[in-house]
């Protein structure tokens, strides 16, 4: 399957959930194949059907071990870039796809847009912007990795994420089979 032509982008294997960076040849074809740890077969790089620009950087797992449970997290992403140009719905959906592919997570909840502001500690500049809160389940290392990725993906100086509830307080009621 062809890529979207970005020089660098991410892929997520639907079987083993591994996320990897793929350099693109700018002719629409991926150059890196993935060997799935679950199926032990070489998949086409766009196994999940999407590619995401990473500006050449793949977010790495945190060096802090933290909790290994699947806590409930919320991350704040901007509605528009630093030039006040709104991100497309496809841009936001691509980020939510990555969140949905995290091990143990199968969904996201997007909360209503809110007003945010913060002061850059280095320059003293006040930034005011509309923010979208997105909730997802992940271990701490994956939540930190996704915050770092969101910062690059949305080209931000900072991105805030925080734990809403520990794994022990989160439950899912499922229909009986």
Protein backbone atom coordinates (compact mmCIF):
# COMPACT_ATOMS: atom_id res chain seq x y z
CA UNK A 1 0.00 0.00 0.00
CA UNK A 2 1.32 3.44 -0.88
CA UNK A 3 2.25 6.05 1.69
CA UNK A 4 1.03 9.63 1.60
CA UNK A 5 4.35 11.09 0.45
CA UNK A 6 5.64 12.51 3.72
CA UNK A 7 9.40 12.13 4.16
CA UNK A 8 8.91 10.40 7.52
CA UNK A 9 5.82 8.90 9.07
CA UNK A 10 4.63 6.33 11.60
CA UNK A 11 2.96 2.99 11.13
CA UNK A 12 1.21 0.82 13.70
CA UNK A 13 1.02 -2.96 13.28
CA UNK A 14 -2.57 -4.10 13.97
CA UNK A 15 -1.28 -7.47 15.25
CA UNK A 16 1.58 -6.68 17.65
CA UNK A 17 0.87 -2.93 18.13
CA UNK A 18 4.49 -2.01 17.37
CA UNK A 19 4.92 1.58 16.19
CA UNK A 20 7.77 2.25 13.77
CA UNK A 21 9.14 5.08 11.68
CA UNK A 22 9.22 4.68 7.94
CA UNK A 23 11.36 6.77 5.59
CA UNK A 24 9.47 7.42 2.34
CA UNK A 25 11.09 7.69 -1.05
CA UNK A 26 8.66 10.51 -1.98
CA UNK A 27 7.40 8.42 -4.87
CA UNK A 28 4.56 7.04 -2.79
CA UNK A 29 6.14 3.80 -1.60
CA UNK A 30 7.44 2.86 1.82
CA UNK A 31 11.00 1.60 2.04
CA UNK A 32 10.77 -0.18 5.37
CA UNK A 33 8.96 -3.45 5.98
CA UNK A 34 7.83 -4.68 9.38
CA UNK A 35 8.19 -8.24 10.66
CA UNK A 36 5.27 -8.81 13.01
CA UNK A 37 6.15 -10.42 16.35
CA UNK A 38 2.69 -12.02 16.52
CA UNK A 39 2.35 -13.38 12.99
CA UNK A 40 6.13 -13.62 12.27
CA UNK A 41 5.29 -12.47 8.75
CA UNK A 42 6.48 -9.43 6.84
CA UNK A 43 3.64 -6.95 6.56
CA UNK A 44 3.37 -4.02 4.23
CA UNK A 45 4.36 -0.97 6.28
CA UNK A 46 0.88 0.58 6.18
CA UNK A 47 -0.70 -2.43 7.87
CA UNK A 48 -3.22 -0.30 9.73
CA UNK A 49 -4.10 1.81 6.70
CA UNK A 50 -2.57 5.14 7.71
CA UNK A 51 0.67 7.01 7.87
CA UNK A 52 1.51 9.95 10.09
CA UNK A 53 4.23 12.56 9.60
CA UNK A 54 6.73 12.57 12.47
CA UNK A 55 9.24 15.17 11.29
CA UNK A 56 11.86 12.43 11.38
CA UNK A 57 11.44 11.56 15.04
CA UNK A 58 9.86 8.41 16.44
CA UNK A 59 8.75 8.88 20.05
CA UNK A 60 10.66 6.51 22.29
CA UNK A 61 9.37 4.84 25.46
CA UNK A 62 10.09 6.74 28.65
CA UNK A 63 13.08 5.70 30.70
CA UNK A 64 10.90 5.94 33.83
CA UNK A 65 9.14 2.70 34.58
CA UNK A 66 6.16 4.20 36.45
CA UNK A 67 2.92 2.26 36.54
CA UNK A 68 2.58 -0.56 34.04
CA UNK A 69 -1.25 -0.61 34.35
CA UNK A 70 -3.64 0.92 31.85
CA UNK A 71 -4.64 4.17 33.51
CA UNK A 72 -7.06 6.71 32.06
CA UNK A 73 -5.20 9.73 30.62
CA UNK A 74 -6.14 13.02 29.02
CA UNK A 75 -3.96 14.96 26.61
CA UNK A 76 -4.61 18.50 25.40
CA UNK A 77 -4.02 19.15 21.69
CA UNK A 78 -4.46 22.50 19.92
CA UNK A 79 -7.27 23.29 17.49
CA UNK A 80 -4.92 25.39 15.34
CA UNK A 81 -1.21 25.72 14.68
CA UNK A 82 0.98 28.59 15.91
CA UNK A 83 -0.07 30.69 12.90
CA UNK A 84 -3.75 30.24 13.92
CA UNK A 85 -4.49 27.92 10.95
CA UNK A 86 -6.87 25.17 12.13
CA UNK A 87 -5.65 21.59 11.90
CA UNK A 88 -7.83 19.44 9.63
CA UNK A 89 -10.18 16.80 10.96
CA UNK A 90 -7.95 14.23 9.21
CA UNK A 91 -4.94 15.52 11.16
CA UNK A 92 -6.76 15.06 14.48
CA UNK A 93 -8.12 11.65 13.40
CA UNK A 94 -4.61 10.44 12.51
CA UNK A 95 -3.47 11.25 16.04
CA UNK A 96 -6.49 9.47 17.57
CA UNK A 97 -5.71 6.42 15.41
CA UNK A 98 -2.28 6.19 16.99
CA UNK A 99 -3.81 6.47 20.47
CA UNK A 100 -6.30 3.68 19.61
CA UNK A 101 -3.41 1.41 18.59
CA UNK A 102 -1.68 1.59 21.98
CA UNK A 103 -1.50 -1.82 23.70
CA UNK A 104 -4.72 -2.42 25.67
CA UNK A 105 -6.44 0.73 24.39
CA UNK A 106 -9.20 0.45 21.83
CA UNK A 107 -10.81 3.87 21.89
CA UNK A 108 -10.57 7.57 22.56
CA UNK A 109 -13.01 10.13 23.89
CA UNK A 110 -12.76 13.66 22.63
CA UNK A 111 -14.12 16.26 25.03
CA UNK A 112 -15.53 19.67 23.99
CA UNK A 113 -13.05 22.33 22.92
CA UNK A 114 -11.96 24.63 25.72
CA UNK A 115 -10.02 27.87 26.09
CA UNK A 116 -6.44 27.45 27.23
CA UNK A 117 -3.59 29.77 27.98
CA UNK A 118 -0.07 29.44 29.32
CA UNK A 119 3.04 31.54 29.80
CA UNK A 120 6.31 30.42 28.21
CA UNK A 121 8.80 30.26 31.10
CA UNK A 122 11.71 31.18 28.83
CA UNK A 123 10.23 34.18 27.00
CA UNK A 124 7.35 35.27 29.27
CA UNK A 125 5.07 35.25 26.21
CA UNK A 126 1.39 34.49 26.87
CA UNK A 127 -0.17 31.93 24.53
CA UNK A 128 -3.97 31.72 24.34
CA UNK A 129 -5.50 28.98 22.22
CA UNK A 130 -8.42 26.59 21.85
CA UNK A 131 -7.60 23.08 23.10
CA UNK A 132 -9.15 19.66 22.50
CA UNK A 133 -8.99 17.24 25.45
CA UNK A 134 -8.61 13.61 24.30
CA UNK A 135 -8.98 10.72 26.75
CA UNK A 136 -7.35 7.32 26.29
CA UNK A 137 -6.08 4.31 28.26
CA UNK A 138 -2.35 3.58 28.46
CA UNK A 139 0.52 2.73 30.74
CA UNK A 140 2.56 5.71 31.94
CA UNK A 141 5.42 5.08 29.48
CA UNK A 142 3.02 5.05 26.51
CA UNK A 143 1.22 8.18 27.77
CA UNK A 144 4.57 10.00 28.03
CA UNK A 145 5.56 8.76 24.57
CA UNK A 146 2.26 9.99 23.09
CA UNK A 147 2.63 13.41 24.75
CA UNK A 148 6.10 13.72 23.20
CA UNK A 149 4.72 12.60 19.85
CA UNK A 150 1.77 15.05 20.07
CA UNK A 151 4.22 17.89 20.70
CA UNK A 152 6.00 17.10 17.44
CA UNK A 153 2.87 16.13 15.48
CA UNK A 154 1.15 19.43 16.35
CA UNK A 155 4.44 21.43 16.24
CA UNK A 156 4.04 22.79 19.78
CA UNK A 157 6.49 24.12 22.36
CA UNK A 158 4.73 22.10 25.08
CA UNK A 159 1.88 19.60 25.34
CA UNK A 160 0.18 18.73 28.61
CA UNK A 161 -1.09 15.26 29.50
CA UNK A 162 -2.25 13.99 32.88
CA UNK A 163 -3.66 10.89 34.53
CA UNK A 164 -7.39 11.09 35.23
CA UNK A 165 -7.73 7.76 37.03
CA UNK A 166 -5.55 4.78 37.93
CA UNK A 167 -6.23 1.39 36.39
CA UNK A 168 -7.89 0.18 39.60
CA UNK A 169 -10.60 2.85 39.22
CA UNK A 170 -11.29 2.17 35.52
CA UNK A 171 -13.66 -0.58 34.41
CA UNK A 172 -15.43 -1.49 31.20
CA UNK A 173 -18.87 -3.11 31.18
CA UNK A 174 -19.20 -5.42 28.19
CA UNK A 175 -22.21 -7.19 26.74
CA UNK A 176 -22.23 -10.92 27.36
CA UNK A 177 -21.44 -13.09 24.36
